[in-house]
Amino acid sequence: MQPGASVPRPARDHGCVGLRVSAMIGSPQAQLERRAVIHRLETDTDEAWDGIMTLLADTDGLALAFDVEEHAVITWEAGEPEDGAERSEAVAPVEEEAPF
């Protein structure tokens, strides 16, 4: 693509929907509940919405359903900590006097 050329609309739409869905899934409330309800906006193209919903449906560990109002309801189970992450119960508290 040449400098200054615009991004084609379907790619831009797909990216916008993906970013919005990612932000909703990553929100603190959704993480606590392990559940996110995604509302389709009037500006979401069919191609972008269907593409993101297909991606979510094909993702291991996620359950995708639609409620009566056609909102996407995504749920997931708590996962194992990633490599390098420590579980809180495995970390022993250190009891030292404050130096001040």
N, C-alpha and C. Protein backbone atom coordinates (compact mmCIF):
# COMPACT_ATOMS: atom_id res chain seq x y z
N MET A 1 0.85 -1.17 0.00
CA MET A 1 0.00 0.00 0.00
C MET A 1 0.90 1.24 0.00
N GLN A 2 0.54 2.20 -0.79
CA GLN A 2 1.32 3.42 -0.90
C GLN A 2 1.09 4.31 0.32
N PRO A 3 2.13 5.08 0.66
CA PRO A 3 1.94 6.02 1.77
C PRO A 3 0.78 6.97 1.48
N GLY A 4 -0.03 7.20 2.46
CA GLY A 4 -1.17 8.10 2.29
C GLY A 4 -2.42 7.42 1.79
N ALA A 5 -2.29 6.15 1.33
CA ALA A 5 -3.47 5.43 0.85
C ALA A 5 -4.30 5.00 2.06
N SER A 6 -5.60 5.02 1.89
CA SER A 6 -6.47 4.65 3.01
C SER A 6 -6.63 3.14 3.10
N VAL A 7 -6.95 2.68 4.29
CA VAL A 7 -7.18 1.26 4.53
C VAL A 7 -8.57 0.93 3.97
N PRO A 8 -8.71 -0.18 3.25
CA PRO A 8 -10.04 -0.54 2.72
C PRO A 8 -11.06 -0.66 3.85
N ARG A 9 -12.29 -0.25 3.57
CA ARG A 9 -13.34 -0.20 4.59
C ARG A 9 -13.58 -1.54 5.29
N PRO A 10 -13.71 -2.68 4.59
CA PRO A 10 -13.96 -3.94 5.32
C PRO A 10 -12.87 -4.26 6.34
N ALA A 11 -11.63 -4.02 6.00
CA ALA A 11 -10.53 -4.29 6.94
C ALA A 11 -10.62 -3.35 8.14
N ARG A 12 -10.95 -2.10 7.88
CA ARG A 12 -11.07 -1.12 8.96
C ARG A 12 -12.26 -1.48 9.85
N ASP A 13 -13.39 -1.86 9.26
CA ASP A 13 -14.58 -2.24 10.03
C ASP A 13 -14.29 -3.46 10.90
N HIS A 14 -13.64 -4.45 10.32
CA HIS A 14 -13.30 -5.67 11.05
C HIS A 14 -12.42 -5.33 12.25
N GLY A 15 -11.45 -4.45 12.04
CA GLY A 15 -10.56 -4.03 13.12
C GLY A 15 -11.29 -3.27 14.21
N CYS A 16 -12.22 -2.40 13.83
CA CYS A 16 -12.98 -1.63 14.82
C CYS A 16 -13.85 -2.53 15.68
N VAL A 17 -14.54 -3.47 15.04
CA VAL A 17 -15.38 -4.40 15.80
C VAL A 17 -14.50 -5.25 16.71
N GLY A 18 -13.38 -5.72 16.19
CA GLY A 18 -12.47 -6.54 16.98
C GLY A 18 -11.93 -5.81 18.19
N LEU A 19 -11.56 -4.55 18.02
CA LEU A 19 -11.06 -3.76 19.15
C LEU A 19 -12.14 -3.53 20.20
N ARG A 20 -13.35 -3.26 19.75
CA ARG A 20 -14.45 -3.03 20.69
C ARG A 20 -14.76 -4.30 21.48
N VAL A 21 -14.82 -5.43 20.79
CA VAL A 21 -15.09 -6.71 21.45
C VAL A 21 -13.96 -7.05 22.42
N SER A 22 -12.73 -6.83 22.00
CA SER A 22 -11.57 -7.11 22.86
C SER A 22 -11.62 -6.26 24.13
N ALA A 23 -11.97 -5.00 23.99
CA ALA A 23 -12.06 -4.11 25.15
C ALA A 23 -13.17 -4.56 26.10
N MET A 24 -14.29 -5.01 25.54
CA MET A 24 -15.40 -5.46 26.39
C MET A 24 -15.04 -6.74 27.13
N ILE A 25 -14.37 -7.67 26.46
CA ILE A 25 -13.95 -8.91 27.10
C ILE A 25 -12.88 -8.63 28.16
N GLY A 26 -12.01 -7.69 27.89
CA GLY A 26 -10.92 -7.37 28.80
C GLY A 26 -11.29 -6.44 29.94
N SER A 27 -12.52 -5.97 29.98
CA SER A 27 -12.91 -5.05 31.04
C SER A 27 -12.87 -5.74 32.40
N PRO A 28 -12.58 -4.99 33.45
CA PRO A 28 -12.51 -5.60 34.79
C PRO A 28 -13.79 -6.33 35.19
N GLN A 29 -14.94 -5.75 34.88
CA GLN A 29 -16.22 -6.39 35.24
C GLN A 29 -16.39 -7.72 34.51
N ALA A 30 -16.08 -7.74 33.21
CA ALA A 30 -16.20 -8.99 32.44
C ALA A 30 -15.23 -10.03 32.96
N GLN A 31 -14.04 -9.62 33.34
CA GLN A 31 -13.06 -10.57 33.86
C GLN A 31 -13.51 -11.16 35.19
N LEU A 32 -14.12 -10.36 36.04
CA LEU A 32 -14.63 -10.86 37.31
C LEU A 32 -15.77 -11.86 37.11
N GLU A 33 -16.67 -11.53 36.18
CA GLU A 33 -17.84 -12.37 35.93
C GLU A 33 -17.56 -13.51 34.96
N ARG A 34 -16.42 -13.42 34.26
CA ARG A 34 -16.08 -14.35 33.18
C ARG A 34 -17.22 -14.42 32.16
N ARG A 35 -17.70 -13.24 31.81
CA ARG A 35 -18.85 -13.12 30.92
C ARG A 35 -18.86 -11.73 30.31
N ALA A 36 -19.16 -11.67 29.01
CA ALA A 36 -19.28 -10.37 28.35
C ALA A 36 -20.47 -10.43 27.39
N VAL A 37 -21.24 -9.37 27.37
CA VAL A 37 -22.36 -9.26 26.43
C VAL A 37 -21.96 -8.21 25.40
N ILE A 38 -21.92 -8.64 24.14
CA ILE A 38 -21.48 -7.77 23.06
C ILE A 38 -22.70 -7.32 22.26
N HIS A 39 -22.90 -6.03 22.18
CA HIS A 39 -24.02 -5.46 21.44
C HIS A 39 -23.55 -5.10 20.04
N ARG A 40 -24.30 -5.52 19.05
CA ARG A 40 -23.97 -5.15 17.68
C ARG A 40 -24.46 -3.73 17.43
N LEU A 41 -23.56 -2.90 16.90
CA LEU A 41 -23.92 -1.52 16.59
C LEU A 41 -24.48 -1.44 15.18
N GLU A 42 -25.28 -0.43 14.92
CA GLU A 42 -25.84 -0.23 13.58
C GLU A 42 -24.75 -0.02 12.54
N THR A 43 -23.61 0.48 12.97
CA THR A 43 -22.51 0.76 12.03
C THR A 43 -21.65 -0.46 11.73
N ASP A 44 -21.87 -1.58 12.45
CA ASP A 44 -21.09 -2.80 12.20
C ASP A 44 -21.57 -3.45 10.91
N THR A 45 -20.65 -3.68 9.99
CA THR A 45 -21.03 -4.36 8.75
C THR A 45 -21.27 -5.84 9.03
N ASP A 46 -22.06 -6.48 8.17
CA ASP A 46 -22.31 -7.92 8.32
C ASP A 46 -21.01 -8.69 8.26
N GLU A 47 -20.13 -8.32 7.34
CA GLU A 47 -18.86 -9.02 7.17
C GLU A 47 -18.00 -8.92 8.43
N ALA A 48 -17.90 -7.73 8.99
CA ALA A 48 -17.08 -7.54 10.19
C ALA A 48 -17.67 -8.28 11.38
N TRP A 49 -18.97 -8.15 11.60
CA TRP A 49 -19.63 -8.80 12.74
C TRP A 49 -19.51 -10.32 12.62
N ASP A 50 -19.86 -10.86 11.45
CA ASP A 50 -19.80 -12.31 11.25
C ASP A 50 -18.38 -12.83 11.39
N GLY A 51 -17.41 -12.07 10.91
CA GLY A 51 -16.01 -12.48 11.02
C GLY A 51 -15.55 -12.59 12.46
N ILE A 52 -15.89 -11.60 13.27
CA ILE A 52 -15.50 -11.61 14.68
C ILE A 52 -16.26 -12.71 15.43
N MET A 53 -17.54 -12.89 15.14
CA MET A 53 -18.32 -13.93 15.82
C MET A 53 -17.77 -15.32 15.46
N THR A 54 -17.37 -15.52 14.22
CA THR A 54 -16.77 -16.80 13.81
C THR A 54 -15.46 -17.03 14.54
N LEU A 55 -14.65 -15.99 14.63
CA LEU A 55 -13.38 -16.10 15.35
C LEU A 55 -13.61 -16.47 16.81
N LEU A 56 -14.57 -15.84 17.45
CA LEU A 56 -14.88 -16.15 18.85
C LEU A 56 -15.42 -17.57 19.00
N ALA A 57 -16.29 -17.98 18.10
CA ALA A 57 -16.88 -19.32 18.17
C ALA A 57 -15.82 -20.40 18.01
N ASP A 58 -14.77 -20.11 17.23
CA ASP A 58 -13.71 -21.08 16.98
C ASP A 58 -12.60 -21.05 18.03
N THR A 59 -12.71 -20.16 19.02
CA THR A 59 -11.67 -20.02 20.04
C THR A 59 -11.91 -21.01 21.18
N ASP A 60 -10.90 -21.85 21.44
CA ASP A 60 -11.00 -22.82 22.53
C ASP A 60 -11.17 -22.10 23.86
N GLY A 61 -12.03 -22.63 24.70
CA GLY A 61 -12.22 -22.07 26.03
C GLY A 61 -13.29 -21.01 26.11
N LEU A 62 -13.83 -20.57 24.97
CA LEU A 62 -14.91 -19.58 24.96
C LEU A 62 -16.21 -20.24 24.55
N ALA A 63 -17.30 -19.85 25.18
CA ALA A 63 -18.63 -20.29 24.76
C ALA A 63 -19.35 -19.06 24.22
N LEU A 64 -19.92 -19.19 23.04
CA LEU A 64 -20.62 -18.08 22.40
C LEU A 64 -22.08 -18.45 22.21
N ALA A 65 -22.97 -17.59 22.67
CA ALA A 65 -24.41 -17.79 22.50
C ALA A 65 -25.01 -16.43 22.17
N PHE A 66 -26.26 -16.45 21.74
CA PHE A 66 -26.96 -15.20 21.43
C PHE A 66 -28.24 -15.16 22.25
N ASP A 67 -28.50 -14.00 22.87
CA ASP A 67 -29.71 -13.88 23.67
C ASP A 67 -30.90 -13.53 22.77
N VAL A 68 -32.06 -13.29 23.36
CA VAL A 68 -33.27 -13.04 22.58
C VAL A 68 -33.19 -11.75 21.77
N GLU A 69 -32.34 -10.85 22.18
CA GLU A 69 -32.18 -9.59 21.45
C GLU A 69 -31.02 -9.64 20.46
N GLU A 70 -30.49 -10.86 20.24
CA GLU A 70 -29.39 -11.10 19.30
C GLU A 70 -28.06 -10.49 19.74
N HIS A 71 -27.90 -10.24 21.04
CA HIS A 71 -26.60 -9.82 21.55
C HIS A 71 -25.74 -11.06 21.73
N ALA A 72 -24.46 -10.95 21.45
CA ALA A 72 -23.55 -12.07 21.65
C ALA A 72 -23.19 -12.15 23.13
N VAL A 73 -23.33 -13.33 23.70
CA VAL A 73 -22.99 -13.56 25.10
C VAL A 73 -21.80 -14.51 25.13
N ILE A 74 -20.68 -14.02 25.61
CA ILE A 74 -19.45 -14.81 25.64
C ILE A 74 -19.15 -15.16 27.09
N THR A 75 -18.90 -16.44 27.34
CA THR A 75 -18.52 -16.89 28.68
C THR A 75 -17.27 -17.74 28.58
N TRP A 76 -16.54 -17.82 29.70
CA TRP A 76 -15.33 -18.63 29.74
C TRP A 76 -15.06 -19.05 31.16
N GLU A 77 -14.29 -20.10 31.30
CA GLU A 77 -13.88 -20.60 32.61
C GLU A 77 -12.55 -19.97 32.99
N ALA A 78 -12.25 -19.97 34.27
CA ALA A 78 -10.96 -19.46 34.73
C ALA A 78 -9.87 -20.35 34.17
N GLY A 79 -8.85 -19.73 33.63
CA GLY A 79 -7.74 -20.48 33.06
C GLY A 79 -6.60 -20.62 34.03
N GLU A 80 -5.64 -21.41 33.63
CA GLU A 80 -4.42 -21.57 34.42
C GLU A 80 -3.55 -20.33 34.21
N PRO A 81 -2.77 -19.94 35.21
CA PRO A 81 -1.87 -18.81 35.03
C PRO A 81 -0.87 -19.12 33.92
N GLU A 82 -0.49 -18.08 33.21
CA GLU A 82 0.49 -18.25 32.14
C GLU A 82 1.85 -18.56 32.74
N ASP A 83 2.75 -19.09 31.90
CA ASP A 83 4.10 -19.37 32.36
C ASP A 83 4.71 -18.12 32.97
N GLY A 84 5.36 -18.28 34.08
CA GLY A 84 6.00 -17.14 34.74
C GLY A 84 5.10 -16.47 35.75
N ALA A 85 3.81 -16.72 35.66
CA ALA A 85 2.88 -16.13 36.62
C ALA A 85 2.79 -17.05 37.83
N GLU A 86 2.77 -16.46 39.00
CA GLU A 86 2.69 -17.25 40.23
C GLU A 86 1.27 -17.22 40.76
N ARG A 87 0.84 -18.31 41.33
CA ARG A 87 -0.46 -18.35 41.99
C ARG A 87 -0.34 -17.66 43.33
N SER A 88 -1.37 -16.97 43.73
CA SER A 88 -1.31 -16.21 44.98
C SER A 88 -1.14 -17.11 46.19
N GLU A 89 -1.74 -18.32 46.18
CA GLU A 89 -1.60 -19.18 47.34
C GLU A 89 -0.21 -19.80 47.43
N ALA A 90 0.55 -19.77 46.37
CA ALA A 90 1.89 -20.35 46.38
C ALA A 90 2.93 -19.36 46.89
N VAL A 91 2.55 -18.12 47.05
CA VAL A 91 3.48 -17.09 47.49
C VAL A 91 3.30 -16.88 48.98
N ALA A 92 4.37 -17.13 49.73
CA ALA A 92 4.32 -16.97 51.18
C ALA A 92 4.56 -15.50 51.53
N PRO A 93 3.77 -14.95 52.45
CA PRO A 93 4.00 -13.56 52.84
C PRO A 93 5.31 -13.41 53.60
N VAL A 94 5.97 -12.32 53.36
CA VAL A 94 7.23 -12.02 54.03
C VAL A 94 6.93 -11.02 55.14
N GLU A 95 7.25 -11.41 56.36
CA GLU A 95 6.98 -10.53 57.49
C GLU A 95 8.29 -9.95 57.99
N GLU A 96 8.50 -8.69 57.68
CA GLU A 96 9.68 -7.97 58.13
C GLU A 96 9.22 -6.65 58.72
N GLU A 97 10.01 -6.15 59.63
CA GLU A 97 9.70 -4.84 60.18
C GLU A 97 10.03 -3.78 59.14
N ALA A 98 9.22 -2.74 59.14
CA ALA A 98 9.48 -1.64 58.23
C ALA A 98 10.77 -0.94 58.64
N PRO A 99 11.61 -0.52 57.69
CA PRO A 99 12.89 0.10 58.03
C PRO A 99 12.75 1.53 58.54
N PHE A 100 11.57 2.05 58.64
CA PHE A 100 11.40 3.42 59.12
C PHE A 100 10.57 3.50 60.35
